[in-house]
C-alpha atoms as a PDB file:
ATOM      1  CA  UNK A   1      27.750 153.946  71.507  1.00  0.00           C
ATOM      2  CA  UNK A   2      30.746 155.118  69.463  1.00  0.00           C
ATOM      3  CA  UNK A   3      30.709 158.175  71.703  1.00  0.00           C
ATOM      4  CA  UNK A   4      31.340 155.883  74.703  1.00  0.00           C
ATOM      5  CA  UNK A   5      34.386 154.348  73.014  1.00  0.00           C
ATOM      6  CA  UNK A   6      35.818 157.712  72.042  1.00  0.00           C
ATOM      7  CA  UNK A   7      35.192 159.001  75.559  1.00  0.00           C
ATOM      8  CA  UNK A   8      37.059 156.022  77.008  1.00  0.00           C
ATOM      9  CA  UNK A   9      40.123 156.698  74.848  1.00  0.00           C
ATOM     10  CA  UNK A  10      40.018 160.410  75.615  1.00  0.00           C
ATOM     11  CA  UNK A  11      39.848 159.592  79.327  1.00  0.00           C
ATOM     12  CA  UNK A  12      43.029 157.508  79.136  1.00  0.00           C
ATOM     13  CA  UNK A  13      44.741 160.252  77.114  1.00  0.00           C
ATOM     14  CA  UNK A  14      43.699 162.886  79.643  1.00  0.00           C
ATOM     15  CA  UNK A  15      45.009 160.753  82.495  1.00  0.00           C
ATOM     16  CA  UNK A  16      48.414 160.483  80.817  1.00  0.00           C
ATOM     17  CA  UNK A  17      48.496 164.237  80.312  1.00  0.00           C
ATOM     18  CA  UNK A  18      47.492 164.953  83.908  1.00  0.00           C
ATOM     19  CA  UNK A  19      50.177 162.615  85.162  1.00  0.00           C
ATOM     20  CA  UNK A  20      52.791 164.758  83.438  1.00  0.00           C
ATOM     21  CA  UNK A  21      51.702 167.827  85.378  1.00  0.00           C
ATOM     22  CA  UNK A  22      51.761 166.180  88.807  1.00  0.00           C
ATOM     23  CA  UNK A  23      54.448 164.816  91.076  1.00  0.00           C
ATOM     24  CA  UNK A  24      54.792 161.397  89.490  1.00  0.00           C
ATOM     25  CA  UNK A  25      57.414 160.242  92.017  1.00  0.00           C
ATOM     26  CA  UNK A  26      54.738 160.256  94.723  1.00  0.00           C
ATOM     27  CA  UNK A  27      51.358 159.386  93.241  1.00  0.00           C
ATOM     28  CA  UNK A  28      51.514 158.232  89.636  1.00  0.00           C
ATOM     29  CA  UNK A  29      53.177 155.373  87.784  1.00  0.00           C
ATOM     30  CA  UNK A  30      52.791 154.898  84.063  1.00  0.00           C
ATOM     31  CA  UNK A  31      54.267 152.874  81.233  1.00  0.00           C
ATOM     32  CA  UNK A  32      53.563 150.381  78.498  1.00  0.00           C
ATOM     33  CA  UNK A  33      54.816 148.305  75.622  1.00  0.00           C
ATOM     34  CA  UNK A  34      54.787 148.724  71.849  1.00  0.00           C
ATOM     35  CA  UNK A  35      55.310 145.629  69.728  1.00  0.00           C
ATOM     36  CA  UNK A  36      55.281 144.657  66.051  1.00  0.00           C
ATOM     37  CA  UNK A  37      55.821 141.178  64.612  1.00  0.00           C
ATOM     38  CA  UNK A  38      56.317 140.260  60.973  1.00  0.00           C
ATOM     39  CA  UNK A  39      56.853 136.928  59.242  1.00  0.00           C
ATOM     40  CA  UNK A  40      57.094 135.793  55.623  1.00  0.00           C
ATOM     41  CA  UNK A  41      57.362 132.395  53.967  1.00  0.00           C
ATOM     42  CA  UNK A  42      58.144 132.361  50.253  1.00  0.00           C
ATOM     43  CA  UNK A  43      58.027 129.080  48.289  1.00  0.00           C
ATOM     44  CA  UNK A  44      58.964 128.430  44.671  1.00  0.00           C
ATOM     45  CA  UNK A  45      58.945 124.939  43.162  1.00  0.00           C
ATOM     46  CA  UNK A  46      59.075 123.566  46.691  1.00  0.00           C
ATOM     47  CA  UNK A  47      58.745 119.759  46.609  1.00  0.00           C
ATOM     48  CA  UNK A  48      57.593 119.597  50.216  1.00  0.00           C
ATOM     49  CA  UNK A  49      54.459 121.590  49.416  1.00  0.00           C
ATOM     50  CA  UNK A  50      52.881 124.419  51.393  1.00  0.00           C
ATOM     51  CA  UNK A  51      51.838 128.000  50.795  1.00  0.00           C
ATOM     52  CA  UNK A  52      53.648 131.300  50.761  1.00  0.00           C
ATOM     53  CA  UNK A  53      52.432 133.445  53.645  1.00  0.00           C
ATOM     54  CA  UNK A  54      52.797 136.946  55.022  1.00  0.00           C
ATOM     55  CA  UNK A  55      51.796 137.833  58.567  1.00  0.00           C
ATOM     56  CA  UNK A  56      51.971 141.086  60.538  1.00  0.00           C
ATOM     57  CA  UNK A  57      50.735 141.722  64.084  1.00  0.00           C
ATOM     58  CA  UNK A  58      50.840 144.751  66.341  1.00  0.00           C
ATOM     59  CA  UNK A  59      50.154 144.780  70.085  1.00  0.00           C
ATOM     60  CA  UNK A  60      50.214 147.796  72.361  1.00  0.00           C
ATOM     61  CA  UNK A  61      49.388 148.156  76.031  1.00  0.00           C
ATOM     62  CA  UNK A  62      49.499 151.135  78.346  1.00  0.00           C
ATOM     63  CA  UNK A  63      48.962 151.521  82.065  1.00  0.00           C
ATOM     64  CA  UNK A  64      48.489 154.515  84.314  1.00  0.00           C
ATOM     65  CA  UNK A  65      48.115 153.937  88.063  1.00  0.00           C
ATOM     66  CA  UNK A  66      47.545 156.254  90.987  1.00  0.00           C
ATOM     67  CA  UNK A  67      48.158 155.394  94.621  1.00  0.00           C
ATOM     68  CA  UNK A  68      48.144 157.334  97.872  1.00  0.00           C
ATOM     69  CA  UNK A  69      47.688 156.427 101.537  1.00  0.00           C
ATOM     70  CA  UNK A  70      43.963 155.681 101.236  1.00  0.00           C
ATOM     71  CA  UNK A  71      43.124 154.983  97.614  1.00  0.00           C
ATOM     72  CA  UNK A  72      44.351 153.586  94.327  1.00  0.00           C
ATOM     73  CA  UNK A  73      43.233 153.841  90.718  1.00  0.00           C
ATOM     74  CA  UNK A  74      44.565 151.404  88.113  1.00  0.00           C
ATOM     75  CA  UNK A  75      43.957 151.943  84.394  1.00  0.00           C
ATOM     76  CA  UNK A  76      45.065 149.815  81.459  1.00  0.00           C
ATOM     77  CA  UNK A  77      44.456 149.946  77.716  1.00  0.00           C
ATOM     78  CA  UNK A  78      45.352 147.086  75.374  1.00  0.00           C
ATOM     79  CA  UNK A  79      45.165 147.364  71.577  1.00  0.00           C
ATOM     80  CA  UNK A  80      45.955 144.550  69.164  1.00  0.00           C
ATOM     81  CA  UNK A  81      45.568 143.950  65.448  1.00  0.00           C
ATOM     82  CA  UNK A  82      46.939 141.319  63.079  1.00  0.00           C
ATOM     83  CA  UNK A  83      46.654 140.319  59.415  1.00  0.00           C
ATOM     84  CA  UNK A  84      47.665 137.128  57.605  1.00  0.00           C
ATOM     85  CA  UNK A  85      47.842 136.489  53.871  1.00  0.00           C
ATOM     86  CA  UNK A  86      48.009 133.018  52.374  1.00  0.00           C
ATOM     87  CA  UNK A  87      49.049 132.509  48.760  1.00  0.00           C
ATOM     88  CA  UNK A  88      46.076 133.132  46.478  1.00  0.00           C
ATOM     89  CA  UNK A  89      43.978 134.840  49.174  1.00  0.00           C
ATOM     90  CA  UNK A  90      43.462 138.380  50.383  1.00  0.00           C
ATOM     91  CA  UNK A  91      44.679 139.519  53.786  1.00  0.00           C
ATOM     92  CA  UNK A  92      42.526 138.125  56.596  1.00  0.00           C
ATOM     93  CA  UNK A  93      42.301 139.279  60.179  1.00  0.00           C
ATOM     94  CA  UNK A  94      44.100 137.158  62.759  1.00  0.00           C
ATOM     95  CA  UNK A  95      43.854 139.417  65.829  1.00  0.00           C
ATOM     96  CA  UNK A  96      41.630 142.358  66.751  1.00  0.00           C
ATOM     97  CA  UNK A  97      41.078 143.710  70.267  1.00  0.00           C
ATOM     98  CA  UNK A  98      40.380 146.820  72.289  1.00  0.00           C
ATOM     99  CA  UNK A  99      40.385 146.265  76.060  1.00  0.00           C
ATOM    100  CA  UNK A 100      40.026 149.104  78.549  1.00  0.00           C
ATOM    101  CA  UNK A 101      40.000 148.332  82.285  1.00  0.00           C
ATOM    102  CA  UNK A 102      39.710 150.914  85.052  1.00  0.00           C
ATOM    103  CA  UNK A 103      39.554 149.968  88.732  1.00  0.00           C
ATOM    104  CA  UNK A 104      39.286 152.286  91.718  1.00  0.00           C
ATOM    105  CA  UNK A 105      39.764 151.199  95.313  1.00  0.00           C
ATOM    106  CA  UNK A 106      39.424 152.913  98.701  1.00  0.00           C
ATOM    107  CA  UNK A 107      41.345 151.369 101.580  1.00  0.00           C
ATOM    108  CA  UNK A 108      39.357 149.359 104.142  1.00  0.00           C
ATOM    109  CA  UNK A 109      42.439 147.843 105.810  1.00  0.00           C
ATOM    110  CA  UNK A 110      45.943 146.803 104.797  1.00  0.00           C
ATOM    111  CA  UNK A 111      44.722 144.122 102.365  1.00  0.00           C
ATOM    112  CA  UNK A 112      41.092 145.008 101.576  1.00  0.00           C
ATOM    113  CA  UNK A 113      39.672 147.864  99.510  1.00  0.00           C
ATOM    114  CA  UNK A 114      36.161 148.921  98.566  1.00  0.00           C
ATOM    115  CA  UNK A 115      36.336 148.768  94.778  1.00  0.00           C
ATOM    116  CA  UNK A 116      34.619 149.800  91.580  1.00  0.00           C
ATOM    117  CA  UNK A 117      35.508 148.273  88.200  1.00  0.00           C
ATOM    118  CA  UNK A 118      34.882 149.225  84.566  1.00  0.00           C
ATOM    119  CA  UNK A 119      35.734 146.568  81.955  1.00  0.00           C
ATOM    120  CA  UNK A 120      35.168 147.503  78.290  1.00  0.00           C
ATOM    121  CA  UNK A 121      35.979 145.261  75.304  1.00  0.00           C
ATOM    122  CA  UNK A 122      35.399 145.422  71.563  1.00  0.00           C
ATOM    123  CA  UNK A 123      37.304 145.322  68.249  1.00  0.00           C
ATOM    124  CA  UNK A 124      38.364 147.667  65.443  1.00  0.00           C
ATOM    125  CA  UNK A 125      36.966 146.161  62.240  1.00  0.00           C
ATOM    126  CA  UNK A 126      34.588 143.613  60.743  1.00  0.00           C
ATOM    127  CA  UNK A 127      35.221 139.919  61.273  1.00  0.00           C
ATOM    128  CA  UNK A 128      34.245 137.159  58.844  1.00  0.00           C
ATOM    129  CA  UNK A 129      33.920 133.385  58.844  1.00  0.00           C
ATOM    130  CA  UNK A 130      35.323 131.983  55.592  1.00  0.00           C
ATOM    131  CA  UNK A 131      33.876 129.017  53.768  1.00  0.00           C
ATOM    132  CA  UNK A 132      35.813 126.341  51.897  1.00  0.00           C
ATOM    133  CA  UNK A 133      34.625 127.917  48.646  1.00  0.00           C
ATOM    134  CA  UNK A 134      36.077 131.309  49.612  1.00  0.00           C
ATOM    135  CA  UNK A 135      32.742 132.789  50.695  1.00  0.00           C
ATOM    136  CA  UNK A 136      32.674 135.107  53.706  1.00  0.00           C
ATOM    137  CA  UNK A 137      29.986 135.607  56.324  1.00  0.00           C
ATOM    138  CA  UNK A 138      29.962 138.647  58.619  1.00  0.00           C
ATOM    139  CA  UNK A 139      30.144 137.531  62.260  1.00  0.00           C
ATOM    140  CA  UNK A 140      31.416 140.629  64.134  1.00  0.00           C
ATOM    141  CA  UNK A 141      32.138 144.340  63.861  1.00  0.00           C
ATOM    142  CA  UNK A 142      33.142 147.376  65.919  1.00  0.00           C
ATOM    143  CA  UNK A 143      30.861 147.352  69.004  1.00  0.00           C
ATOM    144  CA  UNK A 144      29.325 144.137  67.689  1.00  0.00           C
ATOM    145  CA  UNK A 145      30.065 142.738  70.087  1.00  0.00           C
ATOM    146  CA  UNK A 146      31.017 145.256  72.707  1.00  0.00           C
ATOM    147  CA  UNK A 147      31.100 144.154  76.334  1.00  0.00           C
ATOM    148  CA  UNK A 148      30.795 146.612  79.212  1.00  0.00           C
ATOM    149  CA  UNK A 149      30.911 145.385  82.816  1.00  0.00           C
ATOM    150  CA  UNK A 150      30.420 147.710  85.781  1.00  0.00           C
ATOM    151  CA  UNK A 151      31.063 146.187  89.222  1.00  0.00           C
ATOM    152  CA  UNK A 152      31.173 147.229  92.872  1.00  0.00           C
ATOM    153  CA  UNK A 153      32.571 145.084  95.673  1.00  0.00           C
ATOM    154  CA  UNK A 154      35.648 144.227  97.714  1.00  0.00           C
ATOM    155  CA  UNK A 155      39.207 143.592  96.521  1.00  0.00           C
ATOM    156  CA  UNK A 156      41.691 141.453  98.430  1.00  0.00           C
ATOM    157  CA  UNK A 157      45.271 142.462  97.591  1.00  0.00           C
ATOM    158  CA  UNK A 158      47.872 140.588  99.670  1.00  0.00           C
ATOM    159  CA  UNK A 159      50.734 141.856  97.455  1.00  0.00           C
ATOM    160  CA  UNK A 160      51.454 144.333  94.674  1.00  0.00           C
ATOM    161  CA  UNK A 161      51.304 141.605  92.028  1.00  0.00           C
ATOM    162  CA  UNK A 162      48.132 139.681  92.962  1.00  0.00           C
ATOM    163  CA  UNK A 163      44.525 140.611  93.678  1.00  0.00           C
ATOM    164  CA  UNK A 164      41.027 139.105  93.817  1.00  0.00           C
ATOM    165  CA  UNK A 165      37.824 141.124  93.509  1.00  0.00           C
ATOM    166  CA  UNK A 166      34.362 139.861  94.478  1.00  0.00           C
ATOM    167  CA  UNK A 167      31.516 142.109  93.320  1.00  0.00           C
ATOM    168  CA  UNK A 168      27.951 141.142  94.307  1.00  0.00           C
ATOM    169  CA  UNK A 169      26.601 144.182  92.433  1.00  0.00           C
ATOM    170  CA  UNK A 170      27.534 144.015  88.753  1.00  0.00           C
ATOM    171  CA  UNK A 171      25.915 144.934  85.466  1.00  0.00           C
ATOM    172  CA  UNK A 172      27.074 143.443  82.162  1.00  0.00           C
ATOM    173  CA  UNK A 173      26.025 145.015  78.877  1.00  0.00           C
ATOM    174  CA  UNK A 174      26.358 143.208  75.550  1.00  0.00           C
ATOM    175  CA  UNK A 175      26.331 145.693  72.658  1.00  0.00           C
ATOM    176  CA  UNK A 176      25.519 144.714  69.059  1.00  0.00           C
ATOM    177  CA  UNK A 177      25.445 147.992  67.147  1.00  0.00           C
ATOM    178  CA  UNK A 178      25.615 146.388  63.690  1.00  0.00           C
ATOM    179  CA  UNK A 179      22.042 146.127  62.336  1.00  0.00           C
ATOM    180  CA  UNK A 180      22.746 142.995  60.310  1.00  0.00           C
ATOM    181  CA  UNK A 181      23.999 141.132  63.361  1.00  0.00           C
ATOM    182  CA  UNK A 182      21.339 142.508  65.711  1.00  0.00           C
ATOM    183  CA  UNK A 183      18.610 141.243  63.352  1.00  0.00           C
ATOM    184  CA  UNK A 184      20.156 137.789  63.712  1.00  0.00           C
ATOM    185  CA  UNK A 185      20.116 137.989  67.507  1.00  0.00           C
ATOM    186  CA  UNK A 186      23.901 137.646  67.568  1.00  0.00           C
ATOM    187  CA  UNK A 187      25.816 137.400  70.868  1.00  0.00           C
ATOM    188  CA  UNK A 188      22.685 136.739  72.906  1.00  0.00           C
ATOM    189  CA  UNK A 189      20.745 139.972  72.265  1.00  0.00           C
ATOM    190  CA  UNK A 190      17.072 139.738  71.327  1.00  0.00           C
ATOM    191  CA  UNK A 191      16.549 139.911  67.552  1.00  0.00           C
ATOM    192  CA  UNK A 192      16.354 143.516  66.408  1.00  0.00           C
ATOM    193  CA  UNK A 193      17.786 144.825  69.694  1.00  0.00           C
ATOM    194  CA  UNK A 194      21.179 146.418  70.181  1.00  0.00           C
ATOM    195  CA  UNK A 195      21.768 145.921  73.909  1.00  0.00           C
ATOM    196  CA  UNK A 196      21.387 143.101  76.392  1.00  0.00           C
ATOM    197  CA  UNK A 197      21.688 143.974  80.081  1.00  0.00           C
ATOM    198  CA  UNK A 198      22.236 141.495  82.917  1.00  0.00           C
ATOM    199  CA  UNK A 199      22.516 142.184  86.647  1.00  0.00           C
ATOM    200  CA  UNK A 200      24.675 139.667  88.452  1.00  0.00           C
ATOM    201  CA  UNK A 201      27.741 138.840  90.499  1.00  0.00           C
ATOM    202  CA  UNK A 202      31.283 139.272  89.205  1.00  0.00           C
ATOM    203  CA  UNK A 203      34.564 137.626  90.222  1.00  0.00           C
ATOM    204  CA  UNK A 204      37.847 139.041  88.962  1.00  0.00           C
ATOM    205  CA  UNK A 205      41.388 137.733  89.572  1.00  0.00           C
ATOM    206  CA  UNK A 206      44.562 139.411  88.319  1.00  0.00           C
ATOM    207  CA  UNK A 207      48.216 138.417  88.649  1.00  0.00           C
ATOM    208  CA  UNK A 208      51.263 140.090  87.122  1.00  0.00           C
ATOM    209  CA  UNK A 209      54.789 139.208  88.169  1.00  0.00           C
ATOM    210  CA  UNK A 210      58.330 139.095  86.815  1.00  0.00           C
ATOM    211  CA  UNK A 211      59.061 135.418  87.367  1.00  0.00           C
ATOM    212  CA  UNK A 212      62.723 135.725  86.383  1.00  0.00           C
ATOM    213  CA  UNK A 213      64.707 138.667  85.057  1.00  0.00           C
ATOM    214  CA  UNK A 214      63.164 139.987  81.799  1.00  0.00           C
ATOM    215  CA  UNK A 215      60.370 137.394  81.852  1.00  0.00           C
ATOM    216  CA  UNK A 216      56.943 138.639  82.960  1.00  0.00           C
ATOM    217  CA  UNK A 217      53.795 136.563  83.358  1.00  0.00           C
ATOM    218  CA  UNK A 218      50.317 137.984  83.757  1.00  0.00           C
ATOM    219  CA  UNK A 219      46.849 136.461  83.833  1.00  0.00           C
ATOM    220  CA  UNK A 220      43.348 137.816  84.338  1.00  0.00           C
ATOM    221  CA  UNK A 221      40.302 135.639  85.049  1.00  0.00           C
ATOM    222  CA  UNK A 222      36.817 137.139  84.993  1.00  0.00           C
ATOM    223  CA  UNK A 223      33.646 135.204  85.816  1.00  0.00           C
ATOM    224  CA  UNK A 224      30.229 136.886  85.586  1.00  0.00           C
ATOM    225  CA  UNK A 225      27.033 135.064  86.636  1.00  0.00           C
ATOM    226  CA  UNK A 226      23.678 136.785  85.951  1.00  0.00           C
ATOM    227  CA  UNK A 227      21.189 136.540  88.808  1.00  0.00           C
ATOM    228  CA  UNK A 228      18.349 135.431  86.534  1.00  0.00           C
ATOM    229  CA  UNK A 229      20.357 132.407  85.361  1.00  0.00           C
ATOM    230  CA  UNK A 230      22.995 132.104  88.080  1.00  0.00           C
ATOM    231  CA  UNK A 231      24.313 128.728  86.863  1.00  0.00           C
ATOM    232  CA  UNK A 232      25.234 130.052  83.396  1.00  0.00           C
ATOM    233  CA  UNK A 233      28.444 131.973  84.004  1.00  0.00           C
ATOM    234  CA  UNK A 234      30.385 133.942  81.395  1.00  0.00           C
ATOM    235  CA  UNK A 235      34.097 133.117  81.647  1.00  0.00           C
ATOM    236  CA  UNK A 236      36.928 135.225  80.220  1.00  0.00           C
ATOM    237  CA  UNK A 237      40.519 134.173  80.859  1.00  0.00           C
ATOM    238  CA  UNK A 238      43.566 135.878  79.368  1.00  0.00           C
ATOM    239  CA  UNK A 239      47.235 135.094  79.883  1.00  0.00           C
ATOM    240  CA  UNK A 240      50.387 136.703  78.551  1.00  0.00           C
ATOM    241  CA  UNK A 241      54.029 135.652  78.869  1.00  0.00           C
ATOM    242  CA  UNK A 242      56.522 138.345  77.839  1.00  0.00           C
ATOM    243  CA  UNK A 243      60.224 137.723  77.271  1.00  0.00           C
ATOM    244  CA  UNK A 244      62.591 140.628  76.724  1.00  0.00           C
ATOM    245  CA  UNK A 245      65.600 139.595  74.646  1.00  0.00           C
ATOM    246  CA  UNK A 246      67.134 143.079  74.588  1.00  0.00           C
ATOM    247  CA  UNK A 247      65.920 146.680  74.432  1.00  0.00           C
ATOM    248  CA  UNK A 248      64.237 146.185  71.041  1.00  0.00           C
ATOM    249  CA  UNK A 249      63.582 142.465  70.536  1.00  0.00           C
ATOM    250  CA  UNK A 250      60.810 140.693  72.441  1.00  0.00           C
ATOM    251  CA  UNK A 251      58.944 137.402  72.387  1.00  0.00           C
ATOM    252  CA  UNK A 252      55.478 136.726  73.758  1.00  0.00           C
ATOM    253  CA  UNK A 253      52.930 133.962  74.091  1.00  0.00           C
ATOM    254  CA  UNK A 254      49.311 134.914  74.701  1.00  0.00           C
ATOM    255  CA  UNK A 255      46.122 132.893  75.159  1.00  0.00           C
ATOM    256  CA  UNK A 256      42.476 133.949  75.319  1.00  0.00           C
ATOM    257  CA  UNK A 257      39.628 131.736  76.498  1.00  0.00           C
ATOM    258  CA  UNK A 258      35.961 132.757  76.394  1.00  0.00           C
ATOM    259  CA  UNK A 259      32.769 130.872  77.199  1.00  0.00           C
ATOM    260  CA  UNK A 260      29.295 132.400  77.023  1.00  0.00           C
ATOM    261  CA  UNK A 261      26.314 130.062  76.829  1.00  0.00           C
ATOM    262  CA  UNK A 262      24.195 132.751  75.156  1.00  0.00           C
ATOM    263  CA  UNK A 263      26.537 133.045  72.160  1.00  0.00           C
ATOM    264  CA  UNK A 264      25.705 130.529  69.436  1.00  0.00           C
ATOM    265  CA  UNK A 265      28.738 129.628  67.342  1.00  0.00           C
ATOM    266  CA  UNK A 266      28.907 127.766  64.057  1.00  0.00           C
ATOM    267  CA  UNK A 267      31.433 125.113  64.959  1.00  0.00           C
ATOM    268  CA  UNK A 268      33.964 123.541  62.615  1.00  0.00           C
ATOM    269  CA  UNK A 269      31.801 120.404  62.351  1.00  0.00           C
ATOM    270  CA  UNK A 270      28.845 122.451  61.076  1.00  0.00           C
ATOM    271  CA  UNK A 271      26.740 122.334  64.267  1.00  0.00           C
ATOM    272  CA  UNK A 272      25.581 125.532  65.983  1.00  0.00           C
ATOM    273  CA  UNK A 273      25.537 126.225  69.727  1.00  0.00           C
ATOM    274  CA  UNK A 274      27.570 127.466  72.706  1.00  0.00           C
ATOM    275  CA  UNK A 275      31.220 126.516  72.655  1.00  0.00           C
ATOM    276  CA  UNK A 276      34.490 127.327  74.369  1.00  0.00           C
ATOM    277  CA  UNK A 277      36.396 129.862  72.289  1.00  0.00           C
ATOM    278  CA  UNK A 278      40.180 129.674  72.457  1.00  0.00           C
ATOM    279  CA  UNK A 279      42.991 131.561  70.779  1.00  0.00           C
ATOM    280  CA  UNK A 280      46.759 131.455  71.191  1.00  0.00           C
ATOM    281  CA  UNK A 281      49.371 133.742  69.668  1.00  0.00           C
ATOM    282  CA  UNK A 282      53.135 133.182  69.641  1.00  0.00           C
ATOM    283  CA  UNK A 283      55.032 136.258  68.517  1.00  0.00           C
ATOM    284  CA  UNK A 284      58.659 137.267  68.129  1.00  0.00           C
ATOM    285  CA  UNK A 285      59.504 140.720  66.855  1.00  0.00           C
ATOM    286  CA  UNK A 286      60.354 144.298  67.668  1.00  0.00           C
ATOM    287  CA  UNK A 287      59.272 145.793  70.954  1.00  0.00           C
ATOM    288  CA  UNK A 288      59.780 148.893  73.015  1.00  0.00           C
ATOM    289  CA  UNK A 289      59.036 149.296  76.707  1.00  0.00           C
ATOM    290  CA  UNK A 290      58.517 152.690  78.267  1.00  0.00           C
END
């Protein structure tokens, strides 16, 4: 399955290259953001207590869109990685994401398109759960999990900044290519298996708008319900608020929410079972928009 990931990145690269050779003022729009955030707290004989910390996070997103009179093709790639070091500990991962989304639409009328969607998600490196005694337990890896959703349906787009897609024909693949995790039956795959496949219905909502000058808000909600257990939906909801201070300084606030009943999680209270996963990241640092 690594070949699939490499192919996906090569596809995005090829699209950027092809855009350069075509009349971009008519058909293609492209751009993105590069960001890096760094923070350090250093304490020495500090009566108030606390720990010295170092934190670094990088977030990059690209988009390449095509539009003509009858069709459109939107592509986005988001990459993120972060590390945090507390005093007396090694660096630990705080963010890790690879998200590739490609959506094609053919015009049915002014607001409706027949659409196909590819949604691919995974991470770069191993993830661990740390015990109070400093022990670490492997809980994730590259393509463990990997999520691939292929959907076909209709998209309602009343404006350039908002759309809703309903796809009655969708297939969601859960990939667990790490043998240790697959033997545990991690992320809902059968023990010893690497792939779980579910046919179902998919709902996707996306909004991206500059709410005031230099402040952009975007959110994407995805709900997938497998036909064999239609009442157990998988929910993914991501939001991002970007604030541009000047050409090189940016601030952002991002949240990620995920719920999948098939994923058993060891909760903070020691119990194991499905749970709502939530993450928020507030970042201020260097950024470049192109």
